[in-house]
Amino acid sequence: MMKNIIYILGLLFISSNSSSKNDVSDTDSKDNNGTYGVNIPQDEPDLNGTWGLTNYFDTIITNKELAKYRLQTPTWFAILLEIENDSLKSFGSIDKAQYLIKRTGDTITTLTSNVSGDKWFLILKEPELKLIQYANSKRVDSTIYTFRKRDDLNYFSKDSKDFFVIGNNVTNYFNKQLFEGKYINTKSKSEVIFEENGQLMGVEGFDSYEVRNYFGTLHMHKNLDVITFNNKHNNEYKQYNWVFSDDELLLTEFVHEKVTYKGKTYDGDHLVLGKEKIKLKKQ
């Protein structure tokens, strides 16, 4: 009888020992010595990197309009955010700034517009960042703005954080996203190509193009969308208003607004739409 009891106890010990080894969780792993180490999951989100304002970049590409969306207040100070550890740098079409951030809690920092004086909460709502205006702001903006991680835009500020360099990168981005491709002039039936790196073929007298990014504060085109055709050899240029409609692109020339003073007519400071039009059909 005693032998049977010892035998049963031995079996229970072996079974218990075996079960404890099999209960090691899937997150555990063996190190080089064959012993187990526990991998603790990292709950803290990875904020480091470049964040783009979707109300600017995504909306402009989707609706194929630029000027109307640059009037959103956050575009003036934060179309891009660059986060590295506890530092945040914001870049806008007029202003740029640097802030300290905290990674505990939802609100990671407060952004300020030096143009309007407004303050904005920057809130983490994974996988995005939300920008919400202070409730007591003089200029009320109830829109909740959204930033998303944009690894493809890292180069915007990687090589240089200069205002004009970033502005040039924005121009090149919209050149590509909005215009690049082949078109047919519906009147002359000739081919027009908006090539890579802002190169232009098929428009007589011009060899390059660039979309107006509306950076800065000097704007003469009454908030209409602008594309400039350039000739790099003689520095000649001409500006057109651009409007997309399905697969058609309508270009209308800009001319100086006429101002009459004491019976004489002069070129005004602003540009308005003229009579010349070019209609292109996307291929």
C-alpha atoms as a PDB file:
ATOM      1  CA  MET A   1       0.000   0.000   0.000  1.00  0.00           C
ATOM      2  CA  MET A   2       2.786   2.390   0.952  1.00  0.00           C
ATOM      3  CA  LYS A   3       4.553   1.691  -2.344  1.00  0.00           C
ATOM      4  CA  ASN A   4       1.396   2.647  -4.297  1.00  0.00           C
ATOM      5  CA  ILE A   5       1.088   5.961  -2.443  1.00  0.00           C
ATOM      6  CA  ILE A   6       4.739   6.847  -3.137  1.00  0.00           C
ATOM      7  CA  TYR A   7       4.265   5.922  -6.799  1.00  0.00           C
ATOM      8  CA  ILE A   8       1.158   8.154  -7.159  1.00  0.00           C
ATOM      9  CA  LEU A   9       2.867  11.094  -5.431  1.00  0.00           C
ATOM     10  CA  GLY A  10       5.820  10.759  -7.813  1.00  0.00           C
ATOM     11  CA  LEU A  11       3.511  10.937 -10.822  1.00  0.00           C
ATOM     12  CA  LEU A  12       1.775  14.059  -9.452  1.00  0.00           C
ATOM     13  CA  PHE A  13       5.149  15.785  -8.919  1.00  0.00           C
ATOM     14  CA  ILE A  14       6.343  15.036 -12.465  1.00  0.00           C
ATOM     15  CA  SER A  15       3.002  16.192 -13.956  1.00  0.00           C
ATOM     16  CA  SER A  16       3.037  19.453 -11.960  1.00  0.00           C
ATOM     17  CA  ASN A  17       6.638  20.236 -12.923  1.00  0.00           C
ATOM     18  CA  SER A  18       5.928  19.580 -16.599  1.00  0.00           C
ATOM     19  CA  SER A  19       2.803  21.763 -16.544  1.00  0.00           C
ATOM     20  CA  SER A  20       4.666  24.729 -15.036  1.00  0.00           C
ATOM     21  CA  LYS A  21       7.129  24.671 -17.935  1.00  0.00           C
ATOM     22  CA  ASN A  22       4.366  24.615 -20.532  1.00  0.00           C
ATOM     23  CA  ASP A  23       2.642  27.603 -18.932  1.00  0.00           C
ATOM     24  CA  VAL A  24       5.350  30.053 -20.098  1.00  0.00           C
ATOM     25  CA  SER A  25       3.511  32.773 -22.067  1.00  0.00           C
ATOM     26  CA  ASP A  26       3.918  33.389 -25.805  1.00  0.00           C
ATOM     27  CA  THR A  27       5.660  36.659 -25.046  1.00  0.00           C
ATOM     28  CA  ASP A  28       8.472  34.842 -23.242  1.00  0.00           C
ATOM     29  CA  SER A  29      11.611  33.901 -25.124  1.00  0.00           C
ATOM     30  CA  LYS A  30      14.857  32.058 -24.527  1.00  0.00           C
ATOM     31  CA  ASP A  31      18.127  33.907 -24.374  1.00  0.00           C
ATOM     32  CA  ASN A  32      21.397  32.571 -25.753  1.00  0.00           C
ATOM     33  CA  ASN A  33      21.910  30.405 -22.661  1.00  0.00           C
ATOM     34  CA  GLY A  34      18.583  28.659 -23.141  1.00  0.00           C
ATOM     35  CA  THR A  35      16.930  30.323 -20.143  1.00  0.00           C
ATOM     36  CA  TYR A  36      13.620  32.162 -20.367  1.00  0.00           C
ATOM     37  CA  GLY A  37      13.307  35.940 -20.336  1.00  0.00           C
ATOM     38  CA  VAL A  38      10.007  37.861 -20.336  1.00  0.00           C
ATOM     39  CA  ASN A  39       9.407  40.436 -23.121  1.00  0.00           C
ATOM     40  CA  ILE A  40       7.442  43.287 -21.561  1.00  0.00           C
ATOM     41  CA  PRO A  41       5.178  44.995 -24.176  1.00  0.00           C
ATOM     42  CA  GLN A  42       5.879  48.668 -24.778  1.00  0.00           C
ATOM     43  CA  ASP A  43       2.651  50.630 -24.220  1.00  0.00           C
ATOM     44  CA  GLU A  44       4.110  54.064 -24.947  1.00  0.00           C
ATOM     45  CA  PRO A  45       3.270  55.157 -28.526  1.00  0.00           C
ATOM     46  CA  ASP A  46       6.095  56.031 -30.898  1.00  0.00           C
ATOM     47  CA  LEU A  47       5.583  59.740 -31.575  1.00  0.00           C
ATOM     48  CA  ASN A  48       8.987  60.315 -33.166  1.00  0.00           C
ATOM     49  CA  GLY A  49       8.903  61.268 -36.830  1.00  0.00           C
ATOM     50  CA  THR A  50       7.114  63.628 -39.219  1.00  0.00           C
ATOM     51  CA  TRP A  51       3.391  64.330 -38.943  1.00  0.00           C
ATOM     52  CA  GLY A  52       1.384  65.986 -41.733  1.00  0.00           C
ATOM     53  CA  LEU A  53      -1.810  68.029 -41.388  1.00  0.00           C
ATOM     54  CA  THR A  54      -4.440  65.962 -43.206  1.00  0.00           C
ATOM     55  CA  ASN A  55      -6.780  68.970 -43.529  1.00  0.00           C
ATOM     56  CA  TYR A  56      -4.061  70.469 -45.722  1.00  0.00           C
ATOM     57  CA  PHE A  57      -2.195  67.759 -47.631  1.00  0.00           C
ATOM     58  CA  ASP A  58      -4.931  65.132 -47.987  1.00  0.00           C
ATOM     59  CA  THR A  59      -7.790  67.571 -48.584  1.00  0.00           C
ATOM     60  CA  ILE A  60      -5.935  69.485 -51.293  1.00  0.00           C
ATOM     61  CA  ILE A  61      -5.078  66.277 -53.154  1.00  0.00           C
ATOM     62  CA  THR A  62      -8.611  64.880 -52.834  1.00  0.00           C
ATOM     63  CA  ASN A  63     -10.420  68.048 -53.925  1.00  0.00           C
ATOM     64  CA  LYS A  64      -7.713  69.318 -56.309  1.00  0.00           C
ATOM     65  CA  GLU A  65      -7.860  72.818 -54.869  1.00  0.00           C
ATOM     66  CA  LEU A  66      -5.162  74.550 -52.853  1.00  0.00           C
ATOM     67  CA  ALA A  67      -5.798  78.225 -52.135  1.00  0.00           C
ATOM     68  CA  LYS A  68      -9.041  77.802 -50.189  1.00  0.00           C
ATOM     69  CA  TYR A  69      -7.492  75.270 -47.795  1.00  0.00           C
ATOM     70  CA  ARG A  70      -4.429  77.387 -46.996  1.00  0.00           C
ATOM     71  CA  LEU A  71      -6.832  79.762 -45.207  1.00  0.00           C
ATOM     72  CA  GLN A  72      -7.282  77.268 -42.360  1.00  0.00           C
ATOM     73  CA  THR A  73      -5.533  78.877 -39.381  1.00  0.00           C
ATOM     74  CA  PRO A  74      -3.316  75.868 -38.457  1.00  0.00           C
ATOM     75  CA  THR A  75      -1.735  75.903 -41.929  1.00  0.00           C
ATOM     76  CA  TRP A  76      -0.055  79.177 -40.975  1.00  0.00           C
ATOM     77  CA  PHE A  77       1.934  77.562 -38.168  1.00  0.00           C
ATOM     78  CA  ALA A  78       1.687  73.764 -38.420  1.00  0.00           C
ATOM     79  CA  ILE A  79       1.281  71.955 -41.713  1.00  0.00           C
ATOM     80  CA  LEU A  80       4.150  69.757 -40.498  1.00  0.00           C
ATOM     81  CA  LEU A  81       5.189  68.558 -37.065  1.00  0.00           C
ATOM     82  CA  GLU A  82       8.572  66.994 -36.388  1.00  0.00           C
ATOM     83  CA  ILE A  83       8.849  65.104 -33.092  1.00  0.00           C
ATOM     84  CA  GLU A  84      12.046  63.796 -31.565  1.00  0.00           C
ATOM     85  CA  ASN A  85      11.924  62.525 -27.984  1.00  0.00           C
ATOM     86  CA  ASP A  86      10.613  65.431 -25.859  1.00  0.00           C
ATOM     87  CA  SER A  87      10.991  68.076 -28.597  1.00  0.00           C
ATOM     88  CA  LEU A  88       8.419  69.154 -31.193  1.00  0.00           C
ATOM     89  CA  LYS A  89       9.108  71.495 -34.122  1.00  0.00           C
ATOM     90  CA  SER A  90       6.215  72.943 -36.094  1.00  0.00           C
ATOM     91  CA  PHE A  91       6.430  74.344 -39.620  1.00  0.00           C
ATOM     92  CA  GLY A  92       3.725  76.434 -41.294  1.00  0.00           C
ATOM     93  CA  SER A  93       3.259  78.625 -44.343  1.00  0.00           C
ATOM     94  CA  ILE A  94       4.077  81.755 -42.304  1.00  0.00           C
ATOM     95  CA  ASP A  95       5.550  80.724 -38.980  1.00  0.00           C
ATOM     96  CA  LYS A  96       7.593  78.006 -37.281  1.00  0.00           C
ATOM     97  CA  ALA A  97       8.252  77.231 -33.613  1.00  0.00           C
ATOM     98  CA  GLN A  98       9.656  74.690 -31.150  1.00  0.00           C
ATOM     99  CA  TYR A  99       7.967  73.185 -28.080  1.00  0.00           C
ATOM    100  CA  LEU A 100       8.582  70.709 -25.297  1.00  0.00           C
ATOM    101  CA  ILE A 101       6.141  67.810 -25.130  1.00  0.00           C
ATOM    102  CA  LYS A 102       5.047  65.435 -22.400  1.00  0.00           C
ATOM    103  CA  ARG A 103       4.293  61.796 -23.096  1.00  0.00           C
ATOM    104  CA  THR A 104       2.051  61.240 -20.082  1.00  0.00           C
ATOM    105  CA  GLY A 105      -1.631  61.976 -20.578  1.00  0.00           C
ATOM    106  CA  ASP A 106      -3.517  62.778 -23.760  1.00  0.00           C
ATOM    107  CA  THR A 107      -2.536  66.441 -24.218  1.00  0.00           C
ATOM    108  CA  ILE A 108       1.112  66.420 -25.216  1.00  0.00           C
ATOM    109  CA  THR A 109       1.613  70.183 -25.682  1.00  0.00           C
ATOM    110  CA  THR A 110      -0.005  73.497 -26.586  1.00  0.00           C
ATOM    111  CA  LEU A 111       0.708  75.145 -29.937  1.00  0.00           C
ATOM    112  CA  THR A 112       0.453  78.898 -30.444  1.00  0.00           C
ATOM    113  CA  SER A 113      -0.197  80.885 -33.617  1.00  0.00           C
ATOM    114  CA  ASN A 114       1.967  83.995 -33.597  1.00  0.00           C
ATOM    115  CA  VAL A 115      -0.177  85.335 -36.465  1.00  0.00           C
ATOM    116  CA  SER A 116      -3.600  85.130 -34.813  1.00  0.00           C
ATOM    117  CA  GLY A 117      -2.524  84.711 -31.184  1.00  0.00           C
ATOM    118  CA  ASP A 118      -4.704  81.620 -30.788  1.00  0.00           C
ATOM    119  CA  LYS A 119      -3.674  78.636 -28.663  1.00  0.00           C
ATOM    120  CA  TRP A 120      -4.353  75.024 -29.566  1.00  0.00           C
ATOM    121  CA  PHE A 121      -4.298  71.742 -27.627  1.00  0.00           C
ATOM    122  CA  LEU A 122      -2.329  68.973 -29.373  1.00  0.00           C
ATOM    123  CA  ILE A 123      -3.945  65.729 -28.250  1.00  0.00           C
ATOM    124  CA  LEU A 124      -2.829  62.150 -28.800  1.00  0.00           C
ATOM    125  CA  LYS A 125      -5.620  59.953 -30.113  1.00  0.00           C
ATOM    126  CA  GLU A 126      -3.823  56.958 -31.563  1.00  0.00           C
ATOM    127  CA  PRO A 127      -2.829  56.534 -34.279  1.00  0.00           C
ATOM    128  CA  GLU A 128      -3.357  60.262 -34.922  1.00  0.00           C
ATOM    129  CA  LEU A 129      -2.787  63.628 -33.283  1.00  0.00           C
ATOM    130  CA  LYS A 130      -5.711  66.032 -32.924  1.00  0.00           C
ATOM    131  CA  LEU A 131      -5.462  69.832 -32.803  1.00  0.00           C
ATOM    132  CA  ILE A 132      -8.271  71.582 -30.921  1.00  0.00           C
ATOM    133  CA  GLN A 133      -8.556  75.313 -30.325  1.00  0.00           C
ATOM    134  CA  TYR A 134      -8.757  76.754 -26.793  1.00  0.00           C
ATOM    135  CA  ALA A 135     -12.374  77.397 -25.845  1.00  0.00           C
ATOM    136  CA  ASN A 136     -11.824  81.091 -25.022  1.00  0.00           C
ATOM    137  CA  SER A 137     -10.190  82.053 -28.348  1.00  0.00           C
ATOM    138  CA  LYS A 138     -11.263  85.317 -29.984  1.00  0.00           C
ATOM    139  CA  ARG A 139     -11.497  83.746 -33.433  1.00  0.00           C
ATOM    140  CA  VAL A 140     -13.643  80.673 -32.933  1.00  0.00           C
ATOM    141  CA  ASP A 141     -12.684  77.620 -34.986  1.00  0.00           C
ATOM    142  CA  SER A 142     -14.637  74.504 -34.011  1.00  0.00           C
ATOM    143  CA  THR A 143     -12.849  72.239 -36.513  1.00  0.00           C
ATOM    144  CA  ILE A 144     -10.891  69.351 -35.021  1.00  0.00           C
ATOM    145  CA  TYR A 145      -7.732  69.159 -37.123  1.00  0.00           C
ATOM    146  CA  THR A 146      -5.886  65.886 -37.652  1.00  0.00           C
ATOM    147  CA  PHE A 147      -2.214  65.001 -38.065  1.00  0.00           C
ATOM    148  CA  ARG A 148      -1.077  61.564 -39.235  1.00  0.00           C
ATOM    149  CA  LYS A 149       2.381  60.024 -39.442  1.00  0.00           C
ATOM    150  CA  ARG A 150       3.941  60.858 -42.820  1.00  0.00           C
ATOM    151  CA  ASP A 151       7.242  59.031 -43.248  1.00  0.00           C
ATOM    152  CA  ASP A 152       7.098  60.010 -46.925  1.00  0.00           C
ATOM    153  CA  LEU A 153       7.448  63.667 -45.899  1.00  0.00           C
ATOM    154  CA  ASN A 154      10.521  63.214 -43.705  1.00  0.00           C
ATOM    155  CA  TYR A 155      12.695  64.826 -46.374  1.00  0.00           C
ATOM    156  CA  PHE A 156      10.729  68.101 -46.160  1.00  0.00           C
ATOM    157  CA  SER A 157      12.796  69.225 -43.174  1.00  0.00           C
ATOM    158  CA  LYS A 158      15.533  66.582 -42.934  1.00  0.00           C
ATOM    159  CA  ASP A 159      18.250  68.340 -44.954  1.00  0.00           C
ATOM    160  CA  SER A 160      17.263  71.891 -44.051  1.00  0.00           C
ATOM    161  CA  LYS A 161      14.729  73.523 -41.786  1.00  0.00           C
ATOM    162  CA  ASP A 162      14.933  76.760 -43.753  1.00  0.00           C
ATOM    163  CA  PHE A 163      11.506  78.289 -44.465  1.00  0.00           C
ATOM    164  CA  PHE A 164      12.143  78.609 -48.212  1.00  0.00           C
ATOM    165  CA  VAL A 165      13.508  75.065 -48.543  1.00  0.00           C
ATOM    166  CA  ILE A 166      10.420  73.598 -46.888  1.00  0.00           C
ATOM    167  CA  GLY A 167       8.218  75.821 -49.053  1.00  0.00           C
ATOM    168  CA  ASN A 168       9.999  74.564 -52.166  1.00  0.00           C
ATOM    169  CA  ASN A 169       9.445  70.960 -51.050  1.00  0.00           C
ATOM    170  CA  VAL A 170       5.730  71.686 -50.613  1.00  0.00           C
ATOM    171  CA  THR A 171       5.618  73.118 -54.151  1.00  0.00           C
ATOM    172  CA  ASN A 172       7.360  70.080 -55.616  1.00  0.00           C
ATOM    173  CA  TYR A 173       4.997  67.762 -53.721  1.00  0.00           C
ATOM    174  CA  PHE A 174       1.897  69.422 -55.203  1.00  0.00           C
ATOM    175  CA  ASN A 175       3.543  69.621 -58.642  1.00  0.00           C
ATOM    176  CA  LYS A 176       3.760  65.850 -58.592  1.00  0.00           C
ATOM    177  CA  GLN A 177       0.527  64.958 -56.834  1.00  0.00           C
ATOM    178  CA  LEU A 178      -1.728  67.355 -58.746  1.00  0.00           C
ATOM    179  CA  PHE A 179      -0.226  67.861 -62.207  1.00  0.00           C
ATOM    180  CA  GLU A 180       2.368  65.289 -63.204  1.00  0.00           C
ATOM    181  CA  GLY A 181       1.294  63.344 -66.302  1.00  0.00           C
ATOM    182  CA  LYS A 182       0.314  63.610 -69.970  1.00  0.00           C
ATOM    183  CA  TYR A 183      -2.464  65.805 -71.382  1.00  0.00           C
ATOM    184  CA  ILE A 184      -3.921  66.706 -74.767  1.00  0.00           C
ATOM    185  CA  ASN A 185      -4.670  70.301 -75.686  1.00  0.00           C
ATOM    186  CA  THR A 186      -8.326  70.013 -76.750  1.00  0.00           C
ATOM    187  CA  LYS A 187      -7.977  72.861 -79.276  1.00  0.00           C
ATOM    188  CA  SER A 188      -4.596  72.196 -80.940  1.00  0.00           C
ATOM    189  CA  LYS A 189      -4.603  68.413 -80.245  1.00  0.00           C
ATOM    190  CA  SER A 190      -0.951  68.695 -79.231  1.00  0.00           C
ATOM    191  CA  GLU A 191       0.479  66.814 -76.268  1.00  0.00           C
ATOM    192  CA  VAL A 192       1.411  68.615 -73.079  1.00  0.00           C
ATOM    193  CA  ILE A 193       3.510  66.815 -70.464  1.00  0.00           C
ATOM    194  CA  PHE A 194       3.967  67.909 -66.869  1.00  0.00           C
ATOM    195  CA  GLU A 195       7.131  65.969 -66.143  1.00  0.00           C
ATOM    196  CA  GLU A 196       9.039  65.056 -62.989  1.00  0.00           C
ATOM    197  CA  ASN A 197      10.955  67.761 -61.132  1.00  0.00           C
ATOM    198  CA  GLY A 198       8.747  70.510 -62.524  1.00  0.00           C
ATOM    199  CA  GLN A 199       9.797  70.079 -66.153  1.00  0.00           C
ATOM    200  CA  LEU A 200       7.278  71.050 -68.861  1.00  0.00           C
ATOM    201  CA  MET A 201       6.907  69.968 -72.492  1.00  0.00           C
ATOM    202  CA  GLY A 202       4.400  71.012 -75.143  1.00  0.00           C
ATOM    203  CA  VAL A 203       3.730  74.614 -74.072  1.00  0.00           C
ATOM    204  CA  GLU A 204       5.475  76.948 -76.496  1.00  0.00           C
ATOM    205  CA  GLY A 205       8.000  79.274 -74.911  1.00  0.00           C
ATOM    206  CA  PHE A 206       8.132  77.507 -71.518  1.00  0.00           C
ATOM    207  CA  ASP A 207      10.104  74.563 -70.138  1.00  0.00           C
ATOM    208  CA  SER A 208       9.132  74.320 -66.449  1.00  0.00           C
ATOM    209  CA  TYR A 209       6.200  74.864 -64.105  1.00  0.00           C
ATOM    210  CA  GLU A 210       5.454  75.321 -60.426  1.00  0.00           C
ATOM    211  CA  VAL A 211       2.290  75.452 -58.344  1.00  0.00           C
ATOM    212  CA  ARG A 212       1.955  78.474 -56.092  1.00  0.00           C
ATOM    213  CA  ASN A 213       2.125  77.197 -52.504  1.00  0.00           C
ATOM    214  CA  TYR A 214       0.826  80.423 -50.917  1.00  0.00           C
ATOM    215  CA  PHE A 215       3.626  80.578 -48.345  1.00  0.00           C
ATOM    216  CA  GLY A 216       4.298  83.990 -46.818  1.00  0.00           C
ATOM    217  CA  THR A 217       1.886  86.921 -46.608  1.00  0.00           C
ATOM    218  CA  LEU A 218       2.142  88.645 -50.016  1.00  0.00           C
ATOM    219  CA  HIS A 219      -0.671  87.339 -52.229  1.00  0.00           C
ATOM    220  CA  MET A 220      -1.736  89.145 -55.399  1.00  0.00           C
ATOM    221  CA  HIS A 221      -4.094  86.582 -56.936  1.00  0.00           C
ATOM    222  CA  LYS A 222      -7.197  87.096 -54.764  1.00  0.00           C
ATOM    223  CA  ASN A 223      -6.915  83.570 -53.358  1.00  0.00           C
ATOM    224  CA  LEU A 224      -7.241  81.810 -56.710  1.00  0.00           C
ATOM    225  CA  ASP A 225      -5.126  78.752 -57.520  1.00  0.00           C
ATOM    226  CA  VAL A 226      -2.002  79.650 -59.470  1.00  0.00           C
ATOM    227  CA  ILE A 227       0.457  77.770 -61.685  1.00  0.00           C
ATOM    228  CA  THR A 228       3.470  79.516 -63.206  1.00  0.00           C
ATOM    229  CA  PHE A 229       5.047  78.511 -66.526  1.00  0.00           C
ATOM    230  CA  ASN A 230       8.733  79.490 -66.732  1.00  0.00           C
ATOM    231  CA  ASN A 231      11.450  79.718 -69.356  1.00  0.00           C
ATOM    232  CA  LYS A 232      14.751  79.017 -67.618  1.00  0.00           C
ATOM    233  CA  HIS A 233      16.810  80.444 -70.490  1.00  0.00           C
ATOM    234  CA  ASN A 234      15.328  83.939 -70.728  1.00  0.00           C
ATOM    235  CA  ASN A 235      13.502  84.128 -67.360  1.00  0.00           C
ATOM    236  CA  GLU A 236      10.177  84.756 -69.054  1.00  0.00           C
ATOM    237  CA  TYR A 237       7.107  83.480 -67.204  1.00  0.00           C
ATOM    238  CA  LYS A 238       3.319  83.454 -67.372  1.00  0.00           C
ATOM    239  CA  GLN A 239       0.779  82.662 -64.675  1.00  0.00           C
ATOM    240  CA  TYR A 240      -2.519  80.825 -65.016  1.00  0.00           C
ATOM    241  CA  ASN A 241      -5.381  79.970 -62.734  1.00  0.00           C
ATOM    242  CA  TRP A 242      -5.936  76.212 -62.660  1.00  0.00           C
ATOM    243  CA  VAL A 243      -9.205  74.359 -62.165  1.00  0.00           C
ATOM    244  CA  PHE A 244      -9.655  70.583 -62.399  1.00  0.00           C
ATOM    245  CA  SER A 245     -12.960  69.070 -63.468  1.00  0.00           C
ATOM    246  CA  ASP A 246     -12.874  65.263 -63.668  1.00  0.00           C
ATOM    247  CA  ASP A 247     -10.141  64.513 -66.264  1.00  0.00           C
ATOM    248  CA  GLU A 248      -9.964  68.060 -67.633  1.00  0.00           C
ATOM    249  CA  LEU A 249      -7.682  70.886 -66.571  1.00  0.00           C
ATOM    250  CA  LEU A 250      -8.738  74.442 -67.421  1.00  0.00           C
ATOM    251  CA  LEU A 251      -6.013  77.111 -67.394  1.00  0.00           C
ATOM    252  CA  THR A 252      -7.002  80.789 -67.494  1.00  0.00           C
ATOM    253  CA  GLU A 253      -4.393  83.527 -67.798  1.00  0.00           C
ATOM    254  CA  PHE A 254      -3.806  86.097 -65.084  1.00  0.00           C
ATOM    255  CA  VAL A 255      -3.590  89.771 -66.096  1.00  0.00           C
ATOM    256  CA  HIS A 256      -3.031  92.893 -64.051  1.00  0.00           C
ATOM    257  CA  GLU A 257      -6.139  94.453 -62.619  1.00  0.00           C
ATOM    258  CA  LYS A 258      -6.722  97.886 -64.154  1.00  0.00           C
ATOM    259  CA  VAL A 259      -7.044 100.849 -61.841  1.00  0.00           C
ATOM    260  CA  THR A 260      -8.246 104.271 -62.998  1.00  0.00           C
ATOM    261  CA  TYR A 261      -7.005 107.362 -61.195  1.00  0.00           C
ATOM    262  CA  LYS A 262      -7.690 110.948 -62.289  1.00  0.00           C
ATOM    263  CA  GLY A 263      -8.733 109.846 -65.727  1.00  0.00           C
ATOM    264  CA  LYS A 264      -5.703 107.628 -66.299  1.00  0.00           C
ATOM    265  CA  THR A 265      -5.627 103.838 -66.182  1.00  0.00           C
ATOM    266  CA  TYR A 266      -2.801 101.932 -64.499  1.00  0.00           C
ATOM    267  CA  ASP A 267      -1.876  98.349 -63.705  1.00  0.00           C
ATOM    268  CA  GLY A 268      -3.064  97.603 -60.198  1.00  0.00           C
ATOM    269  CA  ASP A 269      -1.306  95.561 -57.520  1.00  0.00           C
ATOM    270  CA  HIS A 270      -3.579  92.546 -57.947  1.00  0.00           C
ATOM    271  CA  LEU A 271      -3.991  90.021 -60.727  1.00  0.00           C
ATOM    272  CA  VAL A 272      -7.346  88.948 -62.160  1.00  0.00           C
ATOM    273  CA  LEU A 273      -8.505  86.429 -64.749  1.00  0.00           C
ATOM    274  CA  GLY A 274      -7.995  87.353 -68.404  1.00  0.00           C
ATOM    275  CA  LYS A 275      -9.467  86.039 -71.641  1.00  0.00           C
ATOM    276  CA  GLU A 276      -6.888  83.450 -72.745  1.00  0.00           C
ATOM    277  CA  LYS A 277      -7.831  79.901 -71.814  1.00  0.00           C
ATOM    278  CA  ILE A 278      -6.156  76.540 -72.339  1.00  0.00           C
ATOM    279  CA  LYS A 279      -8.141  73.341 -71.869  1.00  0.00           C
ATOM    280  CA  LEU A 280      -6.184  70.137 -71.328  1.00  0.00           C
ATOM    281  CA  LYS A 281      -7.543  66.607 -71.137  1.00  0.00           C
ATOM    282  CA  LYS A 282      -5.667  64.082 -68.947  1.00  0.00           C
ATOM    283  CA  GLN A 283      -4.465  60.951 -70.758  1.00  0.00           C
END
